[in-house]
Structures are given as structure tokens and as C-alpha cells.
Amino acid sequence: MISAIKTLFFDKELVSKIKTSDVDSNRLYAQLISGKITLQEYISATR
């Protein structure tokens, strides 16, 4: 489990694109659950 978490990365460009677009929190949550974005990206985008 820990090794799988270490392979995840945080994409700052993706977060900046999400923040500039009009994406609601429900869609972000769906992307998080489907594995398209990481938890760190979700948290950064919702702030």
C-alpha cells in the first residue's frame, strides 16, 4: 500500500487548469474516485 502511494504524483499544472475552469466539487469527487486525479490534487483544487 505504501509503495503504491509513493508512486502517485502531484501535477501542479493539472490543478491550475482545474482551478481556472468551472468544475464543481461533485465532478472533482467523481474524478478522484475513478482515479483520474490524486487526493492531493483534489484537496488543492477545492481550496
PDB file of N, CA and C in Angstrom:
ATOM      1  N   MET A   1       0.819  -1.187   0.000  1.00  0.00           N
ATOM      2  CA  MET A   1       0.000   0.000   0.000  1.00  0.00           C
ATOM      3  C   MET A   1       0.864   1.254   0.000  1.00  0.00           C
ATOM      4  N   ILE A   2       1.868   1.279   0.847  1.00  0.00           N
ATOM      5  CA  ILE A   2       2.739   2.452   0.921  1.00  0.00           C
ATOM      6  C   ILE A   2       3.495   2.638  -0.394  1.00  0.00           C
ATOM      7  N   SER A   3       3.941   1.562  -1.003  1.00  0.00           N
ATOM      8  CA  SER A   3       4.662   1.699  -2.266  1.00  0.00           C
ATOM      9  C   SER A   3       3.746   2.222  -3.361  1.00  0.00           C
ATOM     10  N   ALA A   4       2.461   1.870  -3.320  1.00  0.00           N
ATOM     11  CA  ALA A   4       1.516   2.389  -4.305  1.00  0.00           C
ATOM     12  C   ALA A   4       1.294   3.878  -4.100  1.00  0.00           C
ATOM     13  N   ILE A   5       1.254   4.308  -2.866  1.00  0.00           N
ATOM     14  CA  ILE A   5       1.072   5.733  -2.573  1.00  0.00           C
ATOM     15  C   ILE A   5       2.290   6.535  -3.008  1.00  0.00           C
ATOM     16  N   LYS A   6       3.468   5.982  -2.854  1.00  0.00           N
ATOM     17  CA  LYS A   6       4.682   6.691  -3.243  1.00  0.00           C
ATOM     18  C   LYS A   6       4.756   6.915  -4.742  1.00  0.00           C
ATOM     19  N   THR A   7       4.106   6.059  -5.534  1.00  0.00           N
ATOM     20  CA  THR A   7       4.164   6.217  -6.984  1.00  0.00           C
ATOM     21  C   THR A   7       3.209   7.290  -7.486  1.00  0.00           C
ATOM     22  N   LEU A   8       2.267   7.725  -6.654  1.00  0.00           N
ATOM     23  CA  LEU A   8       1.364   8.791  -7.055  1.00  0.00           C
ATOM     24  C   LEU A   8       2.124  10.108  -7.092  1.00  0.00           C
ATOM     25  N   PHE A   9       1.755  10.966  -7.999  1.00  0.00           N
ATOM     26  CA  PHE A   9       2.437  12.242  -8.103  1.00  0.00           C
ATOM     27  C   PHE A   9       1.424  13.370  -8.123  1.00  0.00           C
ATOM     28  N   PHE A  10       1.875  14.554  -7.817  1.00  0.00           N
ATOM     29  CA  PHE A  10       1.049  15.743  -7.741  1.00  0.00           C
ATOM     30  C   PHE A  10       1.335  16.599  -8.962  1.00  0.00           C
ATOM     31  N   ASP A  11       0.343  16.818  -9.784  1.00  0.00           N
ATOM     32  CA  ASP A  11       0.509  17.580 -11.022  1.00  0.00           C
ATOM     33  C   ASP A  11       0.008  19.004 -10.819  1.00  0.00           C
ATOM     34  N   LYS A  12       0.929  19.943 -10.646  1.00  0.00           N
ATOM     35  CA  LYS A  12       0.560  21.333 -10.385  1.00  0.00           C
ATOM     36  C   LYS A  12      -0.120  21.977 -11.588  1.00  0.00           C
ATOM     37  N   GLU A  13       0.254  21.592 -12.787  1.00  0.00           N
ATOM     38  CA  GLU A  13      -0.378  22.138 -13.985  1.00  0.00           C
ATOM     39  C   GLU A  13      -1.836  21.722 -14.062  1.00  0.00           C
ATOM     40  N   LEU A  14      -2.122  20.483 -13.725  1.00  0.00           N
ATOM     41  CA  LEU A  14      -3.495  19.994 -13.733  1.00  0.00           C
ATOM     42  C   LEU A  14      -4.345  20.755 -12.723  1.00  0.00           C
ATOM     43  N   VAL A  15      -3.802  20.990 -11.546  1.00  0.00           N
ATOM     44  CA  VAL A  15      -4.535  21.722 -10.511  1.00  0.00           C
ATOM     45  C   VAL A  15      -4.820  23.151 -10.960  1.00  0.00           C
ATOM     46  N   SER A  16      -3.855  23.787 -11.592  1.00  0.00           N
ATOM     47  CA  SER A  16      -4.083  25.159 -12.056  1.00  0.00           C
ATOM     48  C   SER A  16      -5.153  25.197 -13.143  1.00  0.00           C
ATOM     49  N   LYS A  17      -5.187  24.188 -14.015  1.00  0.00           N
ATOM     50  CA  LYS A  17      -6.228  24.125 -15.044  1.00  0.00           C
ATOM     51  C   LYS A  17      -7.596  23.885 -14.422  1.00  0.00           C
ATOM     52  N   ILE A  18      -7.649  23.039 -13.407  1.00  0.00           N
ATOM     53  CA  ILE A  18      -8.920  22.770 -12.731  1.00  0.00           C
ATOM     54  C   ILE A  18      -9.429  24.028 -12.044  1.00  0.00           C
ATOM     55  N   LYS A  19      -8.532  24.776 -11.412  1.00  0.00           N
ATOM     56  CA  LYS A  19      -8.943  25.992 -10.705  1.00  0.00           C
ATOM     57  C   LYS A  19      -9.466  27.056 -11.664  1.00  0.00           C
ATOM     58  N   THR A  20      -8.895  27.153 -12.851  1.00  0.00           N
ATOM     59  CA  THR A  20      -9.337  28.173 -13.800  1.00  0.00           C
ATOM     60  C   THR A  20     -10.624  27.778 -14.510  1.00  0.00           C
ATOM     61  N   SER A  21     -10.916  26.492 -14.594  1.00  0.00           N
ATOM     62  CA  SER A  21     -12.162  26.062 -15.226  1.00  0.00           C
ATOM     63  C   SER A  21     -13.284  26.044 -14.190  1.00  0.00           C
ATOM     64  N   ASP A  22     -14.492  25.946 -14.668  1.00  0.00           N
ATOM     65  CA  ASP A  22     -15.655  25.935 -13.780  1.00  0.00           C
ATOM     66  C   ASP A  22     -16.076  24.494 -13.494  1.00  0.00           C
ATOM     67  N   VAL A  23     -15.300  23.811 -12.685  1.00  0.00           N
ATOM     68  CA  VAL A  23     -15.595  22.431 -12.324  1.00  0.00           C
ATOM     69  C   VAL A  23     -16.155  22.421 -10.910  1.00  0.00           C
ATOM     70  N   ASP A  24     -17.309  21.782 -10.746  1.00  0.00           N
ATOM     71  CA  ASP A  24     -17.901  21.742  -9.415  1.00  0.00           C
ATOM     72  C   ASP A  24     -17.277  20.611  -8.586  1.00  0.00           C
ATOM     73  N   SER A  25     -17.533  20.637  -7.301  1.00  0.00           N
ATOM     74  CA  SER A  25     -16.914  19.673  -6.390  1.00  0.00           C
ATOM     75  C   SER A  25     -17.402  18.254  -6.640  1.00  0.00           C
ATOM     76  N   ASN A  26     -18.614  18.096  -7.144  1.00  0.00           N
ATOM     77  CA  ASN A  26     -19.121  16.743  -7.428  1.00  0.00           C
ATOM     78  C   ASN A  26     -18.343  16.087  -8.558  1.00  0.00           C
ATOM     79  N   ARG A  27     -18.024  16.846  -9.576  1.00  0.00           N
ATOM     80  CA  ARG A  27     -17.247  16.295 -10.697  1.00  0.00           C
ATOM     81  C   ARG A  27     -15.816  15.975 -10.257  1.00  0.00           C
ATOM     82  N   LEU A  28     -15.236  16.853  -9.423  1.00  0.00           N
ATOM     83  CA  LEU A  28     -13.897  16.581  -8.895  1.00  0.00           C
ATOM     84  C   LEU A  28     -13.894  15.308  -8.065  1.00  0.00           C
ATOM     85  N   TYR A  29     -14.938  15.127  -7.254  1.00  0.00           N
ATOM     86  CA  TYR A  29     -15.040  13.925  -6.427  1.00  0.00           C
ATOM     87  C   TYR A  29     -15.146  12.678  -7.304  1.00  0.00           C
ATOM     88  N   ALA A  30     -15.905  12.761  -8.373  1.00  0.00           N
ATOM     89  CA  ALA A  30     -16.038  11.626  -9.291  1.00  0.00           C
ATOM     90  C   ALA A  30     -14.696  11.290  -9.934  1.00  0.00           C
ATOM     91  N   GLN A  31     -13.922  12.309 -10.282  1.00  0.00           N
ATOM     92  CA  GLN A  31     -12.600  12.070 -10.867  1.00  0.00           C
ATOM     93  C   GLN A  31     -11.655  11.460  -9.833  1.00  0.00           C
ATOM     94  N   LEU A  32     -11.791  11.885  -8.583  1.00  0.00           N
ATOM     95  CA  LEU A  32     -10.972  11.324  -7.515  1.00  0.00           C
ATOM     96  C   LEU A  32     -11.283   9.849  -7.325  1.00  0.00           C
ATOM     97  N   ILE A  33     -12.550   9.501  -7.261  1.00  0.00           N
ATOM     98  CA  ILE A  33     -12.964   8.115  -7.049  1.00  0.00           C
ATOM     99  C   ILE A  33     -12.567   7.228  -8.223  1.00  0.00           C
ATOM    100  N   SER A  34     -12.639   7.759  -9.434  1.00  0.00           N
ATOM    101  CA  SER A  34     -12.285   6.955 -10.604  1.00  0.00           C
ATOM    102  C   SER A  34     -10.774   6.847 -10.804  1.00  0.00           C
ATOM    103  N   GLY A  35      -9.998   7.610 -10.035  1.00  0.00           N
ATOM    104  CA  GLY A  35      -8.546   7.512 -10.123  1.00  0.00           C
ATOM    105  C   GLY A  35      -7.909   8.444 -11.130  1.00  0.00           C
ATOM    106  N   LYS A  36      -8.673   9.373 -11.666  1.00  0.00           N
ATOM    107  CA  LYS A  36      -8.123  10.300 -12.654  1.00  0.00           C
ATOM    108  C   LYS A  36      -7.284  11.393 -12.026  1.00  0.00           C
ATOM    109  N   ILE A  37      -7.587  11.744 -10.764  1.00  0.00           N
ATOM    110  CA  ILE A  37      -6.773  12.703 -10.023  1.00  0.00           C
ATOM    111  C   ILE A  37      -6.438  12.112  -8.661  1.00  0.00           C
ATOM    112  N   THR A  38      -5.370  12.598  -8.063  1.00  0.00           N
ATOM    113  CA  THR A  38      -4.964  12.102  -6.749  1.00  0.00           C
ATOM    114  C   THR A  38      -5.665  12.894  -5.648  1.00  0.00           C
ATOM    115  N   LEU A  39      -5.565  12.407  -4.434  1.00  0.00           N
ATOM    116  CA  LEU A  39      -6.177  13.087  -3.296  1.00  0.00           C
ATOM    117  C   LEU A  39      -5.552  14.461  -3.095  1.00  0.00           C
ATOM    118  N   GLN A  40      -4.254  14.567  -3.271  1.00  0.00           N
ATOM    119  CA  GLN A  40      -3.586  15.863  -3.125  1.00  0.00           C
ATOM    120  C   GLN A  40      -4.094  16.864  -4.154  1.00  0.00           C
ATOM    121  N   GLU A  41      -4.302  16.407  -5.387  1.00  0.00           N
ATOM    122  CA  GLU A  41      -4.817  17.293  -6.425  1.00  0.00           C
ATOM    123  C   GLU A  41      -6.249  17.709  -6.104  1.00  0.00           C
ATOM    124  N   TYR A  42      -7.043  16.780  -5.591  1.00  0.00           N
ATOM    125  CA  TYR A  42      -8.432  17.090  -5.218  1.00  0.00           C
ATOM    126  C   TYR A  42      -8.476  18.147  -4.124  1.00  0.00           C
ATOM    127  N   ILE A  43      -7.660  17.968  -3.103  1.00  0.00           N
ATOM    128  CA  ILE A  43      -7.640  18.910  -1.989  1.00  0.00           C
ATOM    129  C   ILE A  43      -7.170  20.284  -2.450  1.00  0.00           C
ATOM    130  N   SER A  44      -6.135  20.318  -3.269  1.00  0.00           N
ATOM    131  CA  SER A  44      -5.617  21.601  -3.772  1.00  0.00           C
ATOM    132  C   SER A  44      -6.612  22.307  -4.679  1.00  0.00           C
ATOM    133  N   ALA A  45      -7.352  21.556  -5.451  1.00  0.00           N
ATOM    134  CA  ALA A  45      -8.305  22.154  -6.386  1.00  0.00           C
ATOM    135  C   ALA A  45      -9.543  22.676  -5.675  1.00  0.00           C
ATOM    136  N   THR A  46      -9.913  22.078  -4.553  1.00  0.00           N
ATOM    137  CA  THR A  46     -11.116  22.510  -3.853  1.00  0.00           C
ATOM    138  C   THR A  46     -10.853  23.671  -2.918  1.00  0.00           C
ATOM    139  N   ARG A  47      -9.638  24.044  -2.692  1.00  0.00           N
ATOM    140  CA  ARG A  47      -9.325  25.176  -1.812  1.00  0.00           C
ATOM    141  C   ARG A  47      -9.527  26.483  -2.496  1.00  0.00           C
TER     142      ARG A  47
END
